[in-house]
Amino acid sequence: MLCRQRLQTRLKMVLVVMAFVSVFASGCGRVRTVLVPPGEPVRLREPVKKAKVWVADKDGKEVPGEVTVPAGWYALAPEPEAKAPASERKVKAAKPNPADPKTGARDGGL
């Protein structure tokens, strides 16, 4: 009888702990993720400080810089680069390794 009572007490404690964990693990608010289709602009809700950007110097050369983007501005991701068809791609020939025995180098590249 005493063993059964201890088992029930432990079971109740485990259930209470699990209830607390499940409540606190869910968080205070709901987080919602929205996927934006490629090419669609988004409007910034808050300023973005120290955004890393490329800016042109006096010679027109791009140099790295940092800027604070104000709230309300629109941002747009760059479009992905289109890949050329395989028949039009240029393939660079690899230089033979002199230490490679398949190239026929007798001295092993020394």
PDB file of N, CA and C in Angstrom:
ATOM      1  N   MET A   1       0.820  -1.192   0.000  1.00  0.00           N
ATOM      2  CA  MET A   1       0.000   0.000   0.000  1.00  0.00           C
ATOM      3  C   MET A   1       0.863   1.256   0.000  1.00  0.00           C
ATOM      4  N   LEU A   2       1.929   1.254   0.818  1.00  0.00           N
ATOM      5  CA  LEU A   2       2.831   2.394   0.899  1.00  0.00           C
ATOM      6  C   LEU A   2       3.580   2.584  -0.423  1.00  0.00           C
ATOM      7  N   CYS A   3       3.960   1.510  -1.061  1.00  0.00           N
ATOM      8  CA  CYS A   3       4.663   1.561  -2.347  1.00  0.00           C
ATOM      9  C   CYS A   3       3.760   2.149  -3.431  1.00  0.00           C
ATOM     10  N   ARG A   4       2.501   1.768  -3.411  1.00  0.00           N
ATOM     11  CA  ARG A   4       1.538   2.268  -4.399  1.00  0.00           C
ATOM     12  C   ARG A   4       1.306   3.762  -4.212  1.00  0.00           C
ATOM     13  N   GLN A   5       1.267   4.211  -2.970  1.00  0.00           N
ATOM     14  CA  GLN A   5       1.058   5.626  -2.672  1.00  0.00           C
ATOM     15  C   GLN A   5       2.262   6.457  -3.143  1.00  0.00           C
ATOM     16  N   ARG A   6       3.479   5.946  -2.943  1.00  0.00           N
ATOM     17  CA  ARG A   6       4.681   6.645  -3.408  1.00  0.00           C
ATOM     18  C   ARG A   6       4.701   6.730  -4.940  1.00  0.00           C
ATOM     19  N   LEU A   7       4.292   5.641  -5.582  1.00  0.00           N
ATOM     20  CA  LEU A   7       4.248   5.620  -7.037  1.00  0.00           C
ATOM     21  C   LEU A   7       3.255   6.655  -7.565  1.00  0.00           C
ATOM     22  N   GLN A   8       2.104   6.771  -6.933  1.00  0.00           N
ATOM     23  CA  GLN A   8       1.119   7.764  -7.346  1.00  0.00           C
ATOM     24  C   GLN A   8       1.637   9.183  -7.121  1.00  0.00           C
ATOM     25  N   THR A   9       2.350   9.408  -6.025  1.00  0.00           N
ATOM     26  CA  THR A   9       2.905  10.731  -5.742  1.00  0.00           C
ATOM     27  C   THR A   9       3.949  11.100  -6.786  1.00  0.00           C
ATOM     28  N   ARG A  10       4.820  10.163  -7.122  1.00  0.00           N
ATOM     29  CA  ARG A  10       5.842  10.435  -8.139  1.00  0.00           C
ATOM     30  C   ARG A  10       5.205  10.683  -9.506  1.00  0.00           C
ATOM     31  N   LEU A  11       4.176   9.922  -9.826  1.00  0.00           N
ATOM     32  CA  LEU A  11       3.492  10.104 -11.101  1.00  0.00           C
ATOM     33  C   LEU A  11       2.865  11.498 -11.175  1.00  0.00           C
ATOM     34  N   LYS A  12       2.275  11.954 -10.100  1.00  0.00           N
ATOM     35  CA  LYS A  12       1.667  13.291 -10.063  1.00  0.00           C
ATOM     36  C   LYS A  12       2.742  14.368 -10.229  1.00  0.00           C
ATOM     37  N   MET A  13       3.901  14.169  -9.566  1.00  0.00           N
ATOM     38  CA  MET A  13       4.984  15.146  -9.679  1.00  0.00           C
ATOM     39  C   MET A  13       5.498  15.211 -11.117  1.00  0.00           C
ATOM     40  N   VAL A  14       5.639  14.062 -11.759  1.00  0.00           N
ATOM     41  CA  VAL A  14       6.106  14.028 -13.141  1.00  0.00           C
ATOM     42  C   VAL A  14       5.104  14.725 -14.050  1.00  0.00           C
ATOM     43  N   LEU A  15       3.822  14.497 -13.843  1.00  0.00           N
ATOM     44  CA  LEU A  15       2.796  15.142 -14.658  1.00  0.00           C
ATOM     45  C   LEU A  15       2.797  16.659 -14.473  1.00  0.00           C
ATOM     46  N   VAL A  16       2.982  17.116 -13.243  1.00  0.00           N
ATOM     47  CA  VAL A  16       3.029  18.559 -12.972  1.00  0.00           C
ATOM     48  C   VAL A  16       4.241  19.184 -13.654  1.00  0.00           C
ATOM     49  N   VAL A  17       5.413  18.533 -13.546  1.00  0.00           N
ATOM     50  CA  VAL A  17       6.623  19.052 -14.179  1.00  0.00           C
ATOM     51  C   VAL A  17       6.454  19.086 -15.694  1.00  0.00           C
ATOM     52  N   MET A  18       5.887  18.049 -16.276  1.00  0.00           N
ATOM     53  CA  MET A  18       5.682  18.018 -17.722  1.00  0.00           C
ATOM     54  C   MET A  18       4.695  19.094 -18.164  1.00  0.00           C
ATOM     55  N   ALA A  19       3.680  19.357 -17.363  1.00  0.00           N
ATOM     56  CA  ALA A  19       2.726  20.414 -17.693  1.00  0.00           C
ATOM     57  C   ALA A  19       3.418  21.774 -17.703  1.00  0.00           C
ATOM     58  N   PHE A  20       4.263  22.048 -16.703  1.00  0.00           N
ATOM     59  CA  PHE A  20       5.005  23.313 -16.660  1.00  0.00           C
ATOM     60  C   PHE A  20       5.951  23.438 -17.854  1.00  0.00           C
ATOM     61  N   VAL A  21       6.641  22.359 -18.166  1.00  0.00           N
ATOM     62  CA  VAL A  21       7.579  22.391 -19.290  1.00  0.00           C
ATOM     63  C   VAL A  21       6.837  22.671 -20.593  1.00  0.00           C
ATOM     64  N   SER A  22       5.709  22.026 -20.803  1.00  0.00           N
ATOM     65  CA  SER A  22       4.971  22.236 -22.054  1.00  0.00           C
ATOM     66  C   SER A  22       4.409  23.651 -22.147  1.00  0.00           C
ATOM     67  N   VAL A  23       4.008  24.243 -21.028  1.00  0.00           N
ATOM     68  CA  VAL A  23       3.495  25.612 -21.041  1.00  0.00           C
ATOM     69  C   VAL A  23       4.608  26.599 -21.321  1.00  0.00           C
ATOM     70  N   PHE A  24       5.750  26.441 -20.653  1.00  0.00           N
ATOM     71  CA  PHE A  24       6.838  27.393 -20.824  1.00  0.00           C
ATOM     72  C   PHE A  24       7.604  27.182 -22.123  1.00  0.00           C
ATOM     73  N   ALA A  25       7.586  25.982 -22.659  1.00  0.00           N
ATOM     74  CA  ALA A  25       8.282  25.727 -23.919  1.00  0.00           C
ATOM     75  C   ALA A  25       7.549  26.347 -25.097  1.00  0.00           C
ATOM     76  N   SER A  26       6.259  26.584 -24.964  1.00  0.00           N
ATOM     77  CA  SER A  26       5.493  27.151 -26.074  1.00  0.00           C
ATOM     78  C   SER A  26       5.758  28.641 -26.241  1.00  0.00           C
ATOM     79  N   GLY A  27       6.309  29.307 -25.235  1.00  0.00           N
ATOM     80  CA  GLY A  27       6.639  30.720 -25.362  1.00  0.00           C
ATOM     81  C   GLY A  27       5.470  31.611 -24.986  1.00  0.00           C
ATOM     82  N   CYS A  28       5.774  32.914 -24.917  1.00  0.00           N
ATOM     83  CA  CYS A  28       4.755  33.868 -24.509  1.00  0.00           C
ATOM     84  C   CYS A  28       3.863  34.296 -25.668  1.00  0.00           C
ATOM     85  N   GLY A  29       4.451  34.442 -26.815  1.00  0.00           N
ATOM     86  CA  GLY A  29       3.675  34.901 -27.959  1.00  0.00           C
ATOM     87  C   GLY A  29       3.793  33.928 -29.098  1.00  0.00           C
ATOM     88  N   ARG A  30       3.000  34.179 -30.082  1.00  0.00           N
ATOM     89  CA  ARG A  30       3.059  33.314 -31.249  1.00  0.00           C
ATOM     90  C   ARG A  30       4.022  33.909 -32.262  1.00  0.00           C
ATOM     91  N   VAL A  31       4.869  33.073 -32.787  1.00  0.00           N
ATOM     92  CA  VAL A  31       5.813  33.488 -33.809  1.00  0.00           C
ATOM     93  C   VAL A  31       5.284  32.977 -35.137  1.00  0.00           C
ATOM     94  N   ARG A  32       5.263  33.861 -36.110  1.00  0.00           N
ATOM     95  CA  ARG A  32       4.734  33.479 -37.410  1.00  0.00           C
ATOM     96  C   ARG A  32       5.813  33.730 -38.452  1.00  0.00           C
ATOM     97  N   THR A  33       6.066  32.754 -39.269  1.00  0.00           N
ATOM     98  CA  THR A  33       7.039  32.888 -40.339  1.00  0.00           C
ATOM     99  C   THR A  33       6.299  33.065 -41.648  1.00  0.00           C
ATOM    100  N   VAL A  34       6.681  34.103 -42.383  1.00  0.00           N
ATOM    101  CA  VAL A  34       6.055  34.375 -43.664  1.00  0.00           C
ATOM    102  C   VAL A  34       7.128  34.258 -44.737  1.00  0.00           C
ATOM    103  N   LEU A  35       6.883  33.430 -45.731  1.00  0.00           N
ATOM    104  CA  LEU A  35       7.833  33.274 -46.826  1.00  0.00           C
ATOM    105  C   LEU A  35       7.489  34.287 -47.909  1.00  0.00           C
ATOM    106  N   VAL A  36       8.490  35.055 -48.306  1.00  0.00           N
ATOM    107  CA  VAL A  36       8.299  36.067 -49.337  1.00  0.00           C
ATOM    108  C   VAL A  36       8.772  35.482 -50.660  1.00  0.00           C
ATOM    109  N   PRO A  37       7.953  35.535 -51.699  1.00  0.00           N
ATOM    110  CA  PRO A  37       8.384  35.000 -52.995  1.00  0.00           C
ATOM    111  C   PRO A  37       9.580  35.777 -53.541  1.00  0.00           C
ATOM    112  N   PRO A  38      10.457  35.118 -54.293  1.00  0.00           N
ATOM    113  CA  PRO A  38      11.610  35.819 -54.869  1.00  0.00           C
ATOM    114  C   PRO A  38      11.158  36.978 -55.753  1.00  0.00           C
ATOM    115  N   GLY A  39      11.860  38.090 -55.643  1.00  0.00           N
ATOM    116  CA  GLY A  39      11.538  39.257 -56.460  1.00  0.00           C
ATOM    117  C   GLY A  39      10.514  40.185 -55.841  1.00  0.00           C
ATOM    118  N   GLU A  40       9.957  39.840 -54.681  1.00  0.00           N
ATOM    119  CA  GLU A  40       8.974  40.683 -54.017  1.00  0.00           C
ATOM    120  C   GLU A  40       9.664  41.552 -52.967  1.00  0.00           C
ATOM    121  N   PRO A  41       9.374  42.861 -52.942  1.00  0.00           N
ATOM    122  CA  PRO A  41       9.994  43.717 -51.927  1.00  0.00           C
ATOM    123  C   PRO A  41       9.328  43.537 -50.561  1.00  0.00           C
ATOM    124  N   VAL A  42      10.087  43.830 -49.521  1.00  0.00           N
ATOM    125  CA  VAL A  42       9.541  43.838 -48.158  1.00  0.00           C
ATOM    126  C   VAL A  42       9.805  45.216 -47.563  1.00  0.00           C
ATOM    127  N   ARG A  43       8.945  45.662 -46.670  1.00  0.00           N
ATOM    128  CA  ARG A  43       9.097  46.964 -46.020  1.00  0.00           C
ATOM    129  C   ARG A  43       9.653  46.743 -44.620  1.00  0.00           C
ATOM    130  N   LEU A  44      10.683  47.494 -44.269  1.00  0.00           N
ATOM    131  CA  LEU A  44      11.338  47.326 -42.973  1.00  0.00           C
ATOM    132  C   LEU A  44      10.499  47.951 -41.864  1.00  0.00           C
ATOM    133  N   ARG A  45      10.274  47.210 -40.785  1.00  0.00           N
ATOM    134  CA  ARG A  45       9.513  47.705 -39.632  1.00  0.00           C
ATOM    135  C   ARG A  45      10.378  48.509 -38.690  1.00  0.00           C
ATOM    136  N   GLU A  46      11.653  48.141 -38.584  1.00  0.00           N
ATOM    137  CA  GLU A  46      12.579  48.789 -37.666  1.00  0.00           C
ATOM    138  C   GLU A  46      13.831  49.186 -38.438  1.00  0.00           C
ATOM    139  N   PRO A  47      14.565  50.192 -37.938  1.00  0.00           N
ATOM    140  CA  PRO A  47      15.823  50.535 -38.606  1.00  0.00           C
ATOM    141  C   PRO A  47      16.822  49.382 -38.503  1.00  0.00           C
ATOM    142  N   VAL A  48      17.587  49.208 -39.556  1.00  0.00           N
ATOM    143  CA  VAL A  48      18.637  48.186 -39.572  1.00  0.00           C
ATOM    144  C   VAL A  48      19.958  48.919 -39.421  1.00  0.00           C
ATOM    145  N   LYS A  49      20.599  48.748 -38.266  1.00  0.00           N
ATOM    146  CA  LYS A  49      21.852  49.441 -37.983  1.00  0.00           C
ATOM    147  C   LYS A  49      23.033  48.633 -38.489  1.00  0.00           C
ATOM    148  N   LYS A  50      24.033  49.345 -38.980  1.00  0.00           N
ATOM    149  CA  LYS A  50      25.277  48.762 -39.464  1.00  0.00           C
ATOM    150  C   LYS A  50      25.047  47.718 -40.550  1.00  0.00           C
ATOM    151  N   ALA A  51      24.156  48.022 -41.491  1.00  0.00           N
ATOM    152  CA  ALA A  51      23.938  47.128 -42.628  1.00  0.00           C
ATOM    153  C   ALA A  51      25.161  47.212 -43.526  1.00  0.00           C
ATOM    154  N   LYS A  52      25.716  46.082 -43.884  1.00  0.00           N
ATOM    155  CA  LYS A  52      26.905  46.061 -44.728  1.00  0.00           C
ATOM    156  C   LYS A  52      26.473  46.232 -46.182  1.00  0.00           C
ATOM    157  N   VAL A  53      27.013  47.273 -46.828  1.00  0.00           N
ATOM    158  CA  VAL A  53      26.635  47.606 -48.195  1.00  0.00           C
ATOM    159  C   VAL A  53      27.879  47.857 -49.037  1.00  0.00           C
ATOM    160  N   TRP A  54      27.697  47.853 -50.353  1.00  0.00           N
ATOM    161  CA  TRP A  54      28.738  48.258 -51.288  1.00  0.00           C
ATOM    162  C   TRP A  54      28.382  49.654 -51.767  1.00  0.00           C
ATOM    163  N   VAL A  55      29.327  50.580 -51.690  1.00  0.00           N
ATOM    164  CA  VAL A  55      29.110  51.952 -52.149  1.00  0.00           C
ATOM    165  C   VAL A  55      30.209  52.310 -53.137  1.00  0.00           C
ATOM    166  N   ALA A  56      29.911  53.262 -54.017  1.00  0.00           N
ATOM    167  CA  ALA A  56      30.892  53.699 -55.003  1.00  0.00           C
ATOM    168  C   ALA A  56      31.702  54.856 -54.432  1.00  0.00           C
ATOM    169  N   ASP A  57      33.030  54.791 -54.606  1.00  0.00           N
ATOM    170  CA  ASP A  57      33.873  55.902 -54.169  1.00  0.00           C
ATOM    171  C   ASP A  57      33.930  56.948 -55.288  1.00  0.00           C
ATOM    172  N   LYS A  58      34.797  57.953 -55.163  1.00  0.00           N
ATOM    173  CA  LYS A  58      34.828  59.045 -56.132  1.00  0.00           C
ATOM    174  C   LYS A  58      35.265  58.585 -57.516  1.00  0.00           C
ATOM    175  N   ASP A  59      35.961  57.448 -57.604  1.00  0.00           N
ATOM    176  CA  ASP A  59      36.388  56.917 -58.894  1.00  0.00           C
ATOM    177  C   ASP A  59      35.382  55.928 -59.479  1.00  0.00           C
ATOM    178  N   GLY A  60      34.302  55.662 -58.755  1.00  0.00           N
ATOM    179  CA  GLY A  60      33.290  54.723 -59.216  1.00  0.00           C
ATOM    180  C   GLY A  60      33.578  53.281 -58.839  1.00  0.00           C
ATOM    181  N   LYS A  61      34.638  53.056 -58.083  1.00  0.00           N
ATOM    182  CA  LYS A  61      34.998  51.711 -57.641  1.00  0.00           C
ATOM    183  C   LYS A  61      34.160  51.346 -56.418  1.00  0.00           C
ATOM    184  N   GLU A  62      33.654  50.113 -56.380  1.00  0.00           N
ATOM    185  CA  GLU A  62      32.841  49.676 -55.243  1.00  0.00           C
ATOM    186  C   GLU A  62      33.732  49.362 -54.054  1.00  0.00           C
ATOM    187  N   VAL A  63      33.378  49.929 -52.909  1.00  0.00           N
ATOM    188  CA  VAL A  63      34.097  49.687 -51.667  1.00  0.00           C
ATOM    189  C   VAL A  63      33.081  49.310 -50.594  1.00  0.00           C
ATOM    190  N   PRO A  64      33.500  48.500 -49.602  1.00  0.00           N
ATOM    191  CA  PRO A  64      32.560  48.129 -48.543  1.00  0.00           C
ATOM    192  C   PRO A  64      32.254  49.318 -47.641  1.00  0.00           C
ATOM    193  N   GLY A  65      31.033  49.333 -47.108  1.00  0.00           N
ATOM    194  CA  GLY A  65      30.623  50.385 -46.192  1.00  0.00           C
ATOM    195  C   GLY A  65      29.523  49.895 -45.272  1.00  0.00           C
ATOM    196  N   GLU A  66      29.170  50.713 -44.290  1.00  0.00           N
ATOM    197  CA  GLU A  66      28.081  50.406 -43.361  1.00  0.00           C
ATOM    198  C   GLU A  66      27.125  51.583 -43.335  1.00  0.00           C
ATOM    199  N   VAL A  67      25.842  51.283 -43.203  1.00  0.00           N
ATOM    200  CA  VAL A  67      24.826  52.323 -43.204  1.00  0.00           C
ATOM    201  C   VAL A  67      23.661  51.879 -42.317  1.00  0.00           C
ATOM    202  N   THR A  68      22.926  52.837 -41.771  1.00  0.00           N
ATOM    203  CA  THR A  68      21.688  52.535 -41.050  1.00  0.00           C
ATOM    204  C   THR A  68      20.531  52.742 -42.012  1.00  0.00           C
ATOM    205  N   VAL A  69      19.794  51.676 -42.276  1.00  0.00           N
ATOM    206  CA  VAL A  69      18.646  51.753 -43.178  1.00  0.00           C
ATOM    207  C   VAL A  69      17.423  52.088 -42.335  1.00  0.00           C
ATOM    208  N   PRO A  70      16.749  53.224 -42.605  1.00  0.00           N
ATOM    209  CA  PRO A  70      15.620  53.632 -41.768  1.00  0.00           C
ATOM    210  C   PRO A  70      14.401  52.723 -41.925  1.00  0.00           C
ATOM    211  N   ALA A  71      13.568  52.735 -40.905  1.00  0.00           N
ATOM    212  CA  ALA A  71      12.311  51.987 -40.958  1.00  0.00           C
ATOM    213  C   ALA A  71      11.433  52.588 -42.046  1.00  0.00           C
ATOM    214  N   GLY A  72      10.656  51.748 -42.697  1.00  0.00           N
ATOM    215  CA  GLY A  72       9.764  52.211 -43.754  1.00  0.00           C
ATOM    216  C   GLY A  72      10.351  52.049 -45.142  1.00  0.00           C
ATOM    217  N   TRP A  73      11.660  51.857 -45.238  1.00  0.00           N
ATOM    218  CA  TRP A  73      12.270  51.652 -46.548  1.00  0.00           C
ATOM    219  C   TRP A  73      11.961  50.251 -47.031  1.00  0.00           C
ATOM    220  N   TYR A  74      12.024  50.076 -48.321  1.00  0.00           N
ATOM    221  CA  TYR A  74      11.778  48.772 -48.923  1.00  0.00           C
ATOM    222  C   TYR A  74      13.107  48.090 -49.218  1.00  0.00           C
ATOM    223  N   ALA A  75      13.121  46.771 -49.068  1.00  0.00           N
ATOM    224  CA  ALA A  75      14.304  45.975 -49.367  1.00  0.00           C
ATOM    225  C   ALA A  75      13.911  44.900 -50.371  1.00  0.00           C
ATOM    226  N   LEU A  76      14.841  44.596 -51.258  1.00  0.00           N
ATOM    227  CA  LEU A  76      14.596  43.599 -52.290  1.00  0.00           C
ATOM    228  C   LEU A  76      15.845  42.747 -52.439  1.00  0.00           C
ATOM    229  N   ALA A  77      15.673  41.453 -52.409  1.00  0.00           N
ATOM    230  CA  ALA A  77      16.811  40.545 -52.551  1.00  0.00           C
ATOM    231  C   ALA A  77      17.293  40.567 -53.991  1.00  0.00           C
ATOM    232  N   PRO A  78      18.599  40.392 -54.193  1.00  0.00           N
ATOM    233  CA  PRO A  78      19.086  40.351 -55.575  1.00  0.00           C
ATOM    234  C   PRO A  78      18.562  39.114 -56.286  1.00  0.00           C
ATOM    235  N   GLU A  79      18.351  39.259 -57.580  1.00  0.00           N
ATOM    236  CA  GLU A  79      17.873  38.121 -58.353  1.00  0.00           C
ATOM    237  C   GLU A  79      19.008  37.122 -58.521  1.00  0.00           C
ATOM    238  N   PRO A  80      18.689  35.834 -58.453  1.00  0.00           N
ATOM    239  CA  PRO A  80      19.748  34.835 -58.617  1.00  0.00           C
ATOM    240  C   PRO A  80      20.299  34.902 -60.038  1.00  0.00           C
ATOM    241  N   GLU A  81      21.598  34.647 -60.164  1.00  0.00           N
ATOM    242  CA  GLU A  81      22.225  34.673 -61.469  1.00  0.00           C
ATOM    243  C   GLU A  81      21.748  33.481 -62.291  1.00  0.00           C
ATOM    244  N   ALA A  82      21.385  33.763 -63.530  1.00  0.00           N
ATOM    245  CA  ALA A  82      20.927  32.690 -64.407  1.00  0.00           C
ATOM    246  C   ALA A  82      22.130  31.888 -64.870  1.00  0.00           C
ATOM    247  N   LYS A  83      22.020  30.582 -64.798  1.00  0.00           N
ATOM    248  CA  LYS A  83      23.114  29.720 -65.236  1.00  0.00           C
ATOM    249  C   LYS A  83      22.973  29.465 -66.736  1.00  0.00           C
ATOM    250  N   ALA A  84      24.100  29.488 -67.419  1.00  0.00           N
ATOM    251  CA  ALA A  84      24.107  29.202 -68.847  1.00  0.00           C
ATOM    252  C   ALA A  84      23.902  27.708 -69.047  1.00  0.00           C
ATOM    253  N   PRO A  85      23.320  27.329 -70.182  1.00  0.00           N
ATOM    254  CA  PRO A  85      23.181  25.896 -70.464  1.00  0.00           C
ATOM    255  C   PRO A  85      24.545  25.224 -70.476  1.00  0.00           C
ATOM    256  N   ALA A  86      24.563  23.941 -70.201  1.00  0.00           N
ATOM    257  CA  ALA A  86      25.829  23.206 -70.097  1.00  0.00           C
ATOM    258  C   ALA A  86      26.642  23.305 -71.381  1.00  0.00           C
ATOM    259  N   SER A  87      25.978  23.402 -72.524  1.00  0.00           N
ATOM    260  CA  SER A  87      26.708  23.466 -73.792  1.00  0.00           C
ATOM    261  C   SER A  87      27.435  24.802 -73.958  1.00  0.00           C
ATOM    262  N   GLU A  88      26.981  25.859 -73.251  1.00  0.00           N
ATOM    263  CA  GLU A  88      27.577  27.179 -73.393  1.00  0.00           C
ATOM    264  C   GLU A  88      28.554  27.524 -72.267  1.00  0.00           C
ATOM    265  N   ARG A  89      28.650  26.675 -71.269  1.00  0.00           N
ATOM    266  CA  ARG A  89      29.533  26.964 -70.144  1.00  0.00           C
ATOM    267  C   ARG A  89      30.984  26.786 -70.559  1.00  0.00           C
ATOM    268  N   LYS A  90      31.824  27.685 -70.090  1.00  0.00           N
ATOM    269  CA  LYS A  90      33.248  27.582 -70.347  1.00  0.00           C
ATOM    270  C   LYS A  90      33.870  26.798 -69.202  1.00  0.00           C
ATOM    271  N   VAL A  91      34.621  25.798 -69.546  1.00  0.00           N
ATOM    272  CA  VAL A  91      35.276  24.968 -68.545  1.00  0.00           C
ATOM    273  C   VAL A  91      36.767  25.262 -68.609  1.00  0.00           C
ATOM    274  N   LYS A  92      37.342  25.600 -67.453  1.00  0.00           N
ATOM    275  CA  LYS A  92      38.769  25.847 -67.397  1.00  0.00           C
ATOM    276  C   LYS A  92      39.498  24.520 -67.279  1.00  0.00           C
ATOM    277  N   ALA A  93      40.531  24.377 -68.107  1.00  0.00           N
ATOM    278  CA  ALA A  93      41.330  23.160 -68.044  1.00  0.00           C
ATOM    279  C   ALA A  93      42.256  23.248 -66.846  1.00  0.00           C
ATOM    280  N   ALA A  94      42.325  22.176 -66.100  1.00  0.00           N
ATOM    281  CA  ALA A  94      43.193  22.138 -64.934  1.00  0.00           C
ATOM    282  C   ALA A  94      44.636  21.959 -65.383  1.00  0.00           C
ATOM    283  N   LYS A  95      45.561  22.625 -64.707  1.00  0.00           N
ATOM    284  CA  LYS A  95      46.976  22.467 -65.010  1.00  0.00           C
ATOM    285  C   LYS A  95      47.435  21.122 -64.472  1.00  0.00           C
ATOM    286  N   PRO A  96      48.255  20.419 -65.244  1.00  0.00           N
ATOM    287  CA  PRO A  96      48.716  19.120 -64.748  1.00  0.00           C
ATOM    288  C   PRO A  96      49.634  19.293 -63.553  1.00  0.00           C
ATOM    289  N   ASN A  97      49.504  18.396 -62.612  1.00  0.00           N
ATOM    290  CA  ASN A  97      50.324  18.403 -61.411  1.00  0.00           C
ATOM    291  C   ASN A  97      51.611  17.650 -61.718  1.00  0.00           C
ATOM    292  N   PRO A  98      52.787  18.312 -61.621  1.00  0.00           N
ATOM    293  CA  PRO A  98      54.035  17.612 -61.948  1.00  0.00           C
ATOM    294  C   PRO A  98      54.345  16.466 -61.004  1.00  0.00           C
ATOM    295  N   ALA A  99      53.790  16.475 -59.808  1.00  0.00           N
ATOM    296  CA  ALA A  99      54.067  15.391 -58.856  1.00  0.00           C
ATOM    297  C   ALA A  99      53.154  14.199 -59.086  1.00  0.00           C
ATOM    298  N   ASP A 100      52.193  14.328 -59.999  1.00  0.00           N
ATOM    299  CA  ASP A 100      51.242  13.256 -60.247  1.00  0.00           C
ATOM    300  C   ASP A 100      51.880  12.226 -61.171  1.00  0.00           C
ATOM    301  N   PRO A 101      51.906  10.945 -60.798  1.00  0.00           N
ATOM    302  CA  PRO A 101      52.537   9.934 -61.650  1.00  0.00           C
ATOM    303  C   PRO A 101      51.809   9.747 -62.981  1.00  0.00           C
ATOM    304  N   LYS A 102      50.536  10.154 -63.087  1.00  0.00           N
ATOM    305  CA  LYS A 102      49.791   9.987 -64.324  1.00  0.00           C
ATOM    306  C   LYS A 102      50.248  10.964 -65.397  1.00  0.00           C
ATOM    307  N   THR A 103      50.872  12.076 -65.016  1.00  0.00           N
ATOM    308  CA  THR A 103      51.314  13.081 -65.992  1.00  0.00           C
ATOM    309  C   THR A 103      52.635  12.709 -66.632  1.00  0.00           C
ATOM    310  N   GLY A 104      53.322  11.738 -66.113  1.00  0.00           N
ATOM    311  CA  GLY A 104      54.566  11.293 -66.706  1.00  0.00           C
ATOM    312  C   GLY A 104      55.787  12.056 -66.225  1.00  0.00           C
ATOM    313  N   ALA A 105      55.646  12.819 -65.167  1.00  0.00           N
ATOM    314  CA  ALA A 105      56.794  13.557 -64.650  1.00  0.00           C
ATOM    315  C   ALA A 105      57.761  12.566 -64.004  1.00  0.00           C
ATOM    316  N   ARG A 106      59.002  12.540 -64.499  1.00  0.00           N
ATOM    317  CA  ARG A 106      59.977  11.567 -64.006  1.00  0.00           C
ATOM    318  C   ARG A 106      60.598  11.972 -62.684  1.00  0.00           C
ATOM    319  N   ASP A 107      60.731  13.291 -62.471  1.00  0.00           N
ATOM    320  CA  ASP A 107      61.417  13.724 -61.257  1.00  0.00           C
ATOM    321  C   ASP A 107      60.442  13.925 -60.093  1.00  0.00           C
ATOM    322  N   GLY A 108      59.170  13.678 -60.302  1.00  0.00           N
ATOM    323  CA  GLY A 108      58.205  13.822 -59.204  1.00  0.00           C
ATOM    324  C   GLY A 108      57.921  15.269 -58.873  1.00  0.00           C
ATOM    325  N   GLY A 109      58.235  16.177 -59.791  1.00  0.00           N
ATOM    326  CA  GLY A 109      57.916  17.584 -59.576  1.00  0.00           C
ATOM    327  C   GLY A 109      58.977  18.344 -58.821  1.00  0.00           C
ATOM    328  N   LEU A 110      60.145  17.748 -58.638  1.00  0.00           N
ATOM    329  CA  LEU A 110      61.215  18.439 -57.910  1.00  0.00           C
ATOM    330  C   LEU A 110      62.076  19.230 -58.837  1.00  0.00           C
TER     331      LEU A 110
END
